[in-house]
């Protein structure tokens, strides 16, 4: 995978959208995630900066634009730099 890409499940974990990567995988496979308007059930789907991710989880709908792929699951302040929240 290119340097500016990251797996969807890893990115969701790094952004702290899910507590564990396994929970992110479960949600993706259950159909609760859309990438660029298309349903996505593949945890290995590559994300790039500019992609739009819609998360339906925890009783809420979040729309996030990918700003950076990230390299680790850091503190919340660091995670916030990986995405831009879009008003759905």
PDB file of N, CA and C in Angstrom:
ATOM      1  N   UNK A   1       0.850  -1.178   0.000  1.00  0.00           N
ATOM      2  CA  UNK A   1       0.000   0.000   0.000  1.00  0.00           C
ATOM      3  C   UNK A   1       0.897   1.243   0.000  1.00  0.00           C
ATOM      4  N   UNK A   2       0.484   2.244  -0.765  1.00  0.00           N
ATOM      5  CA  UNK A   2       1.275   3.475  -0.874  1.00  0.00           C
ATOM      6  C   UNK A   2       1.327   4.203   0.465  1.00  0.00           C
ATOM      7  N   UNK A   3       2.282   5.099   0.562  1.00  0.00           N
ATOM      8  CA  UNK A   3       2.496   5.830   1.818  1.00  0.00           C
ATOM      9  C   UNK A   3       1.315   6.713   2.213  1.00  0.00           C
ATOM     10  N   UNK A   4       0.567   7.208   1.214  1.00  0.00           N
ATOM     11  CA  UNK A   4      -0.568   8.080   1.509  1.00  0.00           C
ATOM     12  C   UNK A   4      -1.882   7.305   1.638  1.00  0.00           C
ATOM     13  N   UNK A   5      -1.804   5.974   1.759  1.00  0.00           N
ATOM     14  CA  UNK A   5      -2.985   5.133   1.902  1.00  0.00           C
ATOM     15  C   UNK A   5      -2.939   4.378   3.222  1.00  0.00           C
ATOM     16  N   UNK A   6      -4.135   3.951   3.674  1.00  0.00           N
ATOM     17  CA  UNK A   6      -4.228   3.145   4.890  1.00  0.00           C
ATOM     18  C   UNK A   6      -5.484   2.294   4.793  1.00  0.00           C
ATOM     19  N   UNK A   7      -5.451   1.140   5.429  1.00  0.00           N
ATOM     20  CA  UNK A   7      -6.631   0.282   5.483  1.00  0.00           C
ATOM     21  C   UNK A   7      -7.742   0.982   6.249  1.00  0.00           C
ATOM     22  N   UNK A   8      -8.968   0.799   5.802  1.00  0.00           N
ATOM     23  CA  UNK A   8     -10.131   1.413   6.451  1.00  0.00           C
ATOM     24  C   UNK A   8     -10.212   1.046   7.923  1.00  0.00           C
ATOM     25  N   UNK A   9     -10.045  -0.240   8.266  1.00  0.00           N
ATOM     26  CA  UNK A   9     -10.159  -0.651   9.669  1.00  0.00           C
ATOM     27  C   UNK A   9      -9.095  -0.003  10.544  1.00  0.00           C
ATOM     28  N   UNK A  10      -7.882   0.112  10.044  1.00  0.00           N
ATOM     29  CA  UNK A  10      -6.812   0.751  10.821  1.00  0.00           C
ATOM     30  C   UNK A  10      -7.104   2.239  11.023  1.00  0.00           C
ATOM     31  N   UNK A  11      -7.573   2.894   9.962  1.00  0.00           N
ATOM     32  CA  UNK A  11      -7.847   4.325  10.060  1.00  0.00           C
ATOM     33  C   UNK A  11      -8.949   4.601  11.079  1.00  0.00           C
ATOM     34  N   UNK A  12     -10.015   3.795  11.049  1.00  0.00           N
ATOM     35  CA  UNK A  12     -11.096   3.972  12.018  1.00  0.00           C
ATOM     36  C   UNK A  12     -10.599   3.769  13.444  1.00  0.00           C
ATOM     37  N   UNK A  13      -9.677   2.836  13.631  1.00  0.00           N
ATOM     38  CA  UNK A  13      -9.084   2.591  14.954  1.00  0.00           C
ATOM     39  C   UNK A  13      -8.184   3.766  15.351  1.00  0.00           C
ATOM     40  N   UNK A  14      -7.351   4.230  14.426  1.00  0.00           N
ATOM     41  CA  UNK A  14      -6.439   5.345  14.714  1.00  0.00           C
ATOM     42  C   UNK A  14      -7.199   6.630  15.043  1.00  0.00           C
ATOM     43  N   UNK A  15      -8.367   6.834  14.418  1.00  0.00           N
ATOM     44  CA  UNK A  15      -9.145   8.067  14.670  1.00  0.00           C
ATOM     45  C   UNK A  15      -9.974   7.971  15.935  1.00  0.00           C
ATOM     46  N   UNK A  16      -9.932   6.815  16.585  1.00  0.00           N
ATOM     47  CA  UNK A  16     -10.660   6.556  17.823  1.00  0.00           C
ATOM     48  C   UNK A  16     -12.171   6.494  17.594  1.00  0.00           C
ATOM     49  N   UNK A  17     -12.589   6.194  16.371  1.00  0.00           N
ATOM     50  CA  UNK A  17     -14.008   6.005  16.084  1.00  0.00           C
ATOM     51  C   UNK A  17     -14.501   4.716  16.743  1.00  0.00           C
ATOM     52  N   UNK A  18     -13.575   3.740  16.905  1.00  0.00           N
ATOM     53  CA  UNK A  18     -13.877   2.476  17.562  1.00  0.00           C
ATOM     54  C   UNK A  18     -12.784   2.165  18.571  1.00  0.00           C
ATOM     55  N   UNK A  19     -13.176   1.534  19.665  1.00  0.00           N
ATOM     56  CA  UNK A  19     -12.253   1.250  20.761  1.00  0.00           C
ATOM     57  C   UNK A  19     -11.177   0.232  20.366  1.00  0.00           C
ATOM     58  N   UNK A  20     -11.541  -0.720  19.503  1.00  0.00           N
ATOM     59  CA  UNK A  20     -10.567  -1.716  19.037  1.00  0.00           C
ATOM     60  C   UNK A  20     -10.674  -1.848  17.526  1.00  0.00           C
ATOM     61  N   UNK A  21      -9.620  -2.362  16.934  1.00  0.00           N
ATOM     62  CA  UNK A  21      -9.635  -2.602  15.497  1.00  0.00           C
ATOM     63  C   UNK A  21     -10.639  -3.706  15.161  1.00  0.00           C
ATOM     64  N   UNK A  22     -10.785  -4.687  16.038  1.00  0.00           N
ATOM     65  CA  UNK A  22     -11.740  -5.778  15.823  1.00  0.00           C
ATOM     66  C   UNK A  22     -13.171  -5.245  15.761  1.00  0.00           C
ATOM     67  N   UNK A  23     -13.507  -4.264  16.604  1.00  0.00           N
ATOM     68  CA  UNK A  23     -14.838  -3.659  16.559  1.00  0.00           C
ATOM     69  C   UNK A  23     -15.047  -2.903  15.248  1.00  0.00           C
ATOM     70  N   UNK A  24     -13.998  -2.245  14.775  1.00  0.00           N
ATOM     71  CA  UNK A  24     -14.083  -1.551  13.489  1.00  0.00           C
ATOM     72  C   UNK A  24     -14.351  -2.555  12.368  1.00  0.00           C
ATOM     73  N   UNK A  25     -13.645  -3.683  12.388  1.00  0.00           N
ATOM     74  CA  UNK A  25     -13.838  -4.727  11.374  1.00  0.00           C
ATOM     75  C   UNK A  25     -15.274  -5.244  11.418  1.00  0.00           C
ATOM     76  N   UNK A  26     -15.787  -5.507  12.615  1.00  0.00           N
ATOM     77  CA  UNK A  26     -17.161  -5.995  12.755  1.00  0.00           C
ATOM     78  C   UNK A  26     -18.164  -5.017  12.147  1.00  0.00           C
ATOM     79  N   UNK A  27     -17.982  -3.733  12.429  1.00  0.00           N
ATOM     80  CA  UNK A  27     -18.914  -2.724  11.926  1.00  0.00           C
ATOM     81  C   UNK A  27     -18.834  -2.620  10.407  1.00  0.00           C
ATOM     82  N   UNK A  28     -17.623  -2.672   9.851  1.00  0.00           N
ATOM     83  CA  UNK A  28     -17.445  -2.609   8.402  1.00  0.00           C
ATOM     84  C   UNK A  28     -18.144  -3.799   7.744  1.00  0.00           C
ATOM     85  N   UNK A  29     -17.880  -5.000   8.259  1.00  0.00           N
ATOM     86  CA  UNK A  29     -18.459  -6.212   7.675  1.00  0.00           C
ATOM     87  C   UNK A  29     -19.977  -6.259   7.836  1.00  0.00           C
ATOM     88  N   UNK A  30     -20.517  -5.593   8.848  1.00  0.00           N
ATOM     89  CA  UNK A  30     -21.962  -5.555   9.073  1.00  0.00           C
ATOM     90  C   UNK A  30     -22.652  -4.528   8.171  1.00  0.00           C
ATOM     91  N   UNK A  31     -21.865  -3.704   7.507  1.00  0.00           N
ATOM     92  CA  UNK A  31     -22.441  -2.734   6.570  1.00  0.00           C
ATOM     93  C   UNK A  31     -22.697  -1.360   7.146  1.00  0.00           C
ATOM     94  N   UNK A  32     -22.066  -1.006   8.234  1.00  0.00           N
ATOM     95  CA  UNK A  32     -22.300   0.288   8.859  1.00  0.00           C
ATOM     96  C   UNK A  32     -21.384   1.402   8.392  1.00  0.00           C
ATOM     97  N   UNK A  33     -20.609   1.159   7.322  1.00  0.00           N
ATOM     98  CA  UNK A  33     -19.646   2.153   6.859  1.00  0.00           C
ATOM     99  C   UNK A  33     -19.832   2.385   5.362  1.00  0.00           C
ATOM    100  N   UNK A  34     -19.756   3.651   4.955  1.00  0.00           N
ATOM    101  CA  UNK A  34     -19.762   4.002   3.531  1.00  0.00           C
ATOM    102  C   UNK A  34     -18.494   4.801   3.243  1.00  0.00           C
ATOM    103  N   UNK A  35     -17.915   4.548   2.079  1.00  0.00           N
ATOM    104  CA  UNK A  35     -16.739   5.296   1.643  1.00  0.00           C
ATOM    105  C   UNK A  35     -17.081   5.965   0.317  1.00  0.00           C
ATOM    106  N   UNK A  36     -16.973   7.275   0.291  1.00  0.00           N
ATOM    107  CA  UNK A  36     -17.303   8.061  -0.902  1.00  0.00           C
ATOM    108  C   UNK A  36     -18.700   7.721  -1.430  1.00  0.00           C
ATOM    109  N   UNK A  37     -19.650   7.551  -0.503  1.00  0.00           N
ATOM    110  CA  UNK A  37     -21.032   7.306  -0.868  1.00  0.00           C
ATOM    111  C   UNK A  37     -21.390   5.865  -1.188  1.00  0.00           C
ATOM    112  N   UNK A  38     -20.396   4.976  -1.216  1.00  0.00           N
ATOM    113  CA  UNK A  38     -20.641   3.580  -1.551  1.00  0.00           C
ATOM    114  C   UNK A  38     -20.525   2.696  -0.314  1.00  0.00           C
ATOM    115  N   UNK A  39     -21.456   1.741  -0.130  1.00  0.00           N
ATOM    116  CA  UNK A  39     -21.324   0.813   0.999  1.00  0.00           C
ATOM    117  C   UNK A  39     -20.004   0.052   0.894  1.00  0.00           C
ATOM    118  N   UNK A  40     -19.367  -0.177   2.029  1.00  0.00           N
ATOM    119  CA  UNK A  40     -18.081  -0.875   2.039  1.00  0.00           C
ATOM    120  C   UNK A  40     -18.111  -1.947   3.115  1.00  0.00           C
ATOM    121  N   UNK A  41     -17.866  -3.183   2.728  1.00  0.00           N
ATOM    122  CA  UNK A  41     -17.826  -4.291   3.687  1.00  0.00           C
ATOM    123  C   UNK A  41     -16.452  -4.941   3.736  1.00  0.00           C
ATOM    124  N   UNK A  42     -15.444  -4.249   3.212  1.00  0.00           N
ATOM    125  CA  UNK A  42     -14.082  -4.792   3.180  1.00  0.00           C
ATOM    126  C   UNK A  42     -13.167  -3.984   4.098  1.00  0.00           C
ATOM    127  N   UNK A  43     -12.728  -4.574   5.206  1.00  0.00           N
ATOM    128  CA  UNK A  43     -11.854  -3.852   6.141  1.00  0.00           C
ATOM    129  C   UNK A  43     -10.542  -3.393   5.506  1.00  0.00           C
ATOM    130  N   UNK A  44     -10.095  -4.077   4.472  1.00  0.00           N
ATOM    131  CA  UNK A  44      -8.821  -3.741   3.829  1.00  0.00           C
ATOM    132  C   UNK A  44      -8.926  -2.674   2.758  1.00  0.00           C
ATOM    133  N   UNK A  45     -10.094  -2.074   2.598  1.00  0.00           N
ATOM    134  CA  UNK A  45     -10.279  -1.035   1.582  1.00  0.00           C
ATOM    135  C   UNK A  45      -9.307   0.105   1.847  1.00  0.00           C
ATOM    136  N   UNK A  46      -8.609   0.541   0.803  1.00  0.00           N
ATOM    137  CA  UNK A  46      -7.612   1.603   0.950  1.00  0.00           C
ATOM    138  C   UNK A  46      -8.283   2.971   1.013  1.00  0.00           C
ATOM    139  N   UNK A  47      -7.883   3.770   1.991  1.00  0.00           N
ATOM    140  CA  UNK A  47      -8.346   5.153   2.114  1.00  0.00           C
ATOM    141  C   UNK A  47      -7.204   6.078   1.753  1.00  0.00           C
ATOM    142  N   UNK A  48      -7.562   7.207   1.168  1.00  0.00           N
ATOM    143  CA  UNK A  48      -6.578   8.234   0.817  1.00  0.00           C
ATOM    144  C   UNK A  48      -7.094   9.578   1.327  1.00  0.00           C
ATOM    145  N   UNK A  49      -6.221  10.560   1.505  1.00  0.00           N
ATOM    146  CA  UNK A  49      -6.693  11.888   1.888  1.00  0.00           C
ATOM    147  C   UNK A  49      -7.733  12.383   0.885  1.00  0.00           C
ATOM    148  N   UNK A  50      -8.802  12.973   1.412  1.00  0.00           N
ATOM    149  CA  UNK A  50      -9.887  13.470   0.580  1.00  0.00           C
ATOM    150  C   UNK A  50     -11.092  12.545   0.540  1.00  0.00           C
ATOM    151  N   UNK A  51     -10.893  11.257   0.873  1.00  0.00           N
ATOM    152  CA  UNK A  51     -12.015  10.318   0.904  1.00  0.00           C
ATOM    153  C   UNK A  51     -12.985  10.711   2.002  1.00  0.00           C
ATOM    154  N   UNK A  52     -14.272  10.417   1.767  1.00  0.00           N
ATOM    155  CA  UNK A  52     -15.308  10.706   2.753  1.00  0.00           C
ATOM    156  C   UNK A  52     -15.814   9.389   3.345  1.00  0.00           C
ATOM    157  N   UNK A  53     -15.819   9.301   4.668  1.00  0.00           N
ATOM    158  CA  UNK A  53     -16.237   8.090   5.370  1.00  0.00           C
ATOM    159  C   UNK A  53     -17.459   8.403   6.215  1.00  0.00           C
ATOM    160  N   UNK A  54     -18.531   7.639   6.007  1.00  0.00           N
ATOM    161  CA  UNK A  54     -19.757   7.795   6.795  1.00  0.00           C
ATOM    162  C   UNK A  54     -19.827   6.606   7.751  1.00  0.00           C
ATOM    163  N   UNK A  55     -19.922   6.900   9.038  1.00  0.00           N
ATOM    164  CA  UNK A  55     -19.950   5.872  10.075  1.00  0.00           C
ATOM    165  C   UNK A  55     -21.316   5.888  10.746  1.00  0.00           C
ATOM    166  N   UNK A  56     -21.977   4.749  10.706  1.00  0.00           N
ATOM    167  CA  UNK A  56     -23.242   4.585  11.414  1.00  0.00           C
ATOM    168  C   UNK A  56     -22.969   3.638  12.576  1.00  0.00           C
ATOM    169  N   UNK A  57     -22.794   4.198  13.754  1.00  0.00           N
ATOM    170  CA  UNK A  57     -22.460   3.391  14.933  1.00  0.00           C
ATOM    171  C   UNK A  57     -22.794   4.173  16.194  1.00  0.00           C
ATOM    172  N   UNK A  58     -22.965   3.452  17.284  1.00  0.00           N
ATOM    173  CA  UNK A  58     -23.211   4.059  18.593  1.00  0.00           C
ATOM    174  C   UNK A  58     -24.447   4.957  18.573  1.00  0.00           C
ATOM    175  N   UNK A  59     -25.436   4.628  17.738  1.00  0.00           N
ATOM    176  CA  UNK A  59     -26.658   5.398  17.673  1.00  0.00           C
ATOM    177  C   UNK A  59     -26.522   6.760  17.021  1.00  0.00           C
ATOM    178  N   UNK A  60     -25.452   6.961  16.275  1.00  0.00           N
ATOM    179  CA  UNK A  60     -25.225   8.254  15.630  1.00  0.00           C
ATOM    180  C   UNK A  60     -24.655   8.050  14.228  1.00  0.00           C
ATOM    181  N   UNK A  61     -24.731   9.093  13.438  1.00  0.00           N
ATOM    182  CA  UNK A  61     -24.179   9.098  12.091  1.00  0.00           C
ATOM    183  C   UNK A  61     -23.098  10.169  12.045  1.00  0.00           C
ATOM    184  N   UNK A  62     -21.890   9.767  11.667  1.00  0.00           N
ATOM    185  CA  UNK A  62     -20.778  10.718  11.565  1.00  0.00           C
ATOM    186  C   UNK A  62     -20.253  10.713  10.142  1.00  0.00           C
ATOM    187  N   UNK A  63     -19.934  11.890   9.624  1.00  0.00           N
ATOM    188  CA  UNK A  63     -19.345  12.012   8.300  1.00  0.00           C
ATOM    189  C   UNK A  63     -17.961  12.634   8.485  1.00  0.00           C
ATOM    190  N   UNK A  64     -16.931  11.882   8.076  1.00  0.00           N
ATOM    191  CA  UNK A  64     -15.550  12.321   8.252  1.00  0.00           C
ATOM    192  C   UNK A  64     -14.833  12.380   6.915  1.00  0.00           C
ATOM    193  N   UNK A  65     -14.044  13.416   6.702  1.00  0.00           N
ATOM    194  CA  UNK A  65     -13.187  13.499   5.520  1.00  0.00           C
ATOM    195  C   UNK A  65     -11.763  13.161   5.965  1.00  0.00           C
ATOM    196  N   UNK A  66     -11.137  12.246   5.261  1.00  0.00           N
ATOM    197  CA  UNK A  66      -9.774  11.820   5.582  1.00  0.00           C
ATOM    198  C   UNK A  66      -8.808  12.962   5.258  1.00  0.00           C
ATOM    199  N   UNK A  67      -8.029  13.353   6.259  1.00  0.00           N
ATOM    200  CA  UNK A  67      -6.999  14.375   6.062  1.00  0.00           C
ATOM    201  C   UNK A  67      -5.628  13.702   5.945  1.00  0.00           C
ATOM    202  N   UNK A  68      -5.393  12.692   6.789  1.00  0.00           N
ATOM    203  CA  UNK A  68      -4.112  11.988   6.789  1.00  0.00           C
ATOM    204  C   UNK A  68      -4.338  10.531   7.178  1.00  0.00           C
ATOM    205  N   UNK A  69      -3.465   9.626   6.709  1.00  0.00           N
ATOM    206  CA  UNK A  69      -3.624   8.214   7.046  1.00  0.00           C
ATOM    207  C   UNK A  69      -3.250   7.883   8.492  1.00  0.00           C
ATOM    208  N   UNK A  70      -2.311   8.573   9.060  1.00  0.00           N
ATOM    209  CA  UNK A  70      -1.880   8.279  10.431  1.00  0.00           C
ATOM    210  C   UNK A  70      -0.911   7.105  10.466  1.00  0.00           C
ATOM    211  N   UNK A  71      -0.218   6.985  11.579  1.00  0.00           N
ATOM    212  CA  UNK A  71       0.765   5.910  11.743  1.00  0.00           C
ATOM    213  C   UNK A  71       0.560   5.116  13.023  1.00  0.00           C
ATOM    214  N   UNK A  72      -0.294   5.648  13.930  1.00  0.00           N
ATOM    215  CA  UNK A  72      -0.524   4.951  15.195  1.00  0.00           C
ATOM    216  C   UNK A  72      -1.806   5.461  15.837  1.00  0.00           C
ATOM    217  N   UNK A  73      -2.277   4.746  16.853  1.00  0.00           N
ATOM    218  CA  UNK A  73      -3.416   5.210  17.643  1.00  0.00           C
ATOM    219  C   UNK A  73      -2.852   6.013  18.804  1.00  0.00           C
ATOM    220  N   UNK A  74      -2.871   7.294  18.645  1.00  0.00           N
ATOM    221  CA  UNK A  74      -2.318   8.162  19.671  1.00  0.00           C
ATOM    222  C   UNK A  74      -3.425   8.772  20.514  1.00  0.00           C
ATOM    223  N   UNK A  75      -3.087   9.797  21.280  1.00  0.00           N
ATOM    224  CA  UNK A  75      -4.090  10.480  22.100  1.00  0.00           C
ATOM    225  C   UNK A  75      -5.145  11.151  21.216  1.00  0.00           C
ATOM    226  N   UNK A  76      -6.264  11.513  21.814  1.00  0.00           N
ATOM    227  CA  UNK A  76      -7.390  12.090  21.075  1.00  0.00           C
ATOM    228  C   UNK A  76      -6.984  13.320  20.263  1.00  0.00           C
ATOM    229  N   UNK A  77      -6.114  14.167  20.815  1.00  0.00           N
ATOM    230  CA  UNK A  77      -5.679  15.363  20.088  1.00  0.00           C
ATOM    231  C   UNK A  77      -4.960  14.995  18.800  1.00  0.00           C
ATOM    232  N   UNK A  78      -4.154  13.951  18.851  1.00  0.00           N
ATOM    233  CA  UNK A  78      -3.430  13.480  17.666  1.00  0.00           C
ATOM    234  C   UNK A  78      -4.396  12.840  16.667  1.00  0.00           C
ATOM    235  N   UNK A  79      -5.349  12.062  17.172  1.00  0.00           N
ATOM    236  CA  UNK A  79      -6.335  11.403  16.316  1.00  0.00           C
ATOM    237  C   UNK A  79      -7.167  12.432  15.562  1.00  0.00           C
ATOM    238  N   UNK A  80      -7.485  13.536  16.200  1.00  0.00           N
ATOM    239  CA  UNK A  80      -8.327  14.576  15.589  1.00  0.00           C
ATOM    240  C   UNK A  80      -7.671  15.193  14.355  1.00  0.00           C
ATOM    241  N   UNK A  81      -6.360  15.097  14.234  1.00  0.00           N
ATOM    242  CA  UNK A  81      -5.643  15.653  13.084  1.00  0.00           C
ATOM    243  C   UNK A  81      -5.783  14.780  11.834  1.00  0.00           C
ATOM    244  N   UNK A  82      -6.347  13.583  11.978  1.00  0.00           N
ATOM    245  CA  UNK A  82      -6.457  12.649  10.860  1.00  0.00           C
ATOM    246  C   UNK A  82      -7.729  12.855  10.044  1.00  0.00           C
ATOM    247  N   UNK A  83      -8.676  13.640  10.551  1.00  0.00           N
ATOM    248  CA  UNK A  83      -9.952  13.810   9.859  1.00  0.00           C
ATOM    249  C   UNK A  83     -10.556  15.180  10.100  1.00  0.00           C
ATOM    250  N   UNK A  84     -11.517  15.495   9.236  1.00  0.00           N
ATOM    251  CA  UNK A  84     -12.325  16.706   9.387  1.00  0.00           C
ATOM    252  C   UNK A  84     -13.769  16.237   9.503  1.00  0.00           C
ATOM    253  N   UNK A  85     -14.453  16.672  10.524  1.00  0.00           N
ATOM    254  CA  UNK A  85     -15.866  16.295  10.725  1.00  0.00           C
ATOM    255  C   UNK A  85     -16.722  17.184   9.812  1.00  0.00           C
ATOM    256  N   UNK A  86     -17.608  16.525   9.060  1.00  0.00           N
ATOM    257  CA  UNK A  86     -18.489  17.238   8.136  1.00  0.00           C
ATOM    258  C   UNK A  86     -19.909  17.141   8.678  1.00  0.00           C
ATOM    259  N   UNK A  87     -20.628  18.242   8.672  1.00  0.00           N
ATOM    260  CA  UNK A  87     -22.026  18.211   9.113  1.00  0.00           C
ATOM    261  C   UNK A  87     -22.824  17.408   8.107  1.00  0.00           C
ATOM    262  N   UNK A  88     -23.455  16.293   8.600  1.00  0.00           N
ATOM    263  CA  UNK A  88     -24.203  15.409   7.723  1.00  0.00           C
ATOM    264  C   UNK A  88     -25.498  16.013   7.392  1.00  0.00           C
TER     265      UNK A  88
END
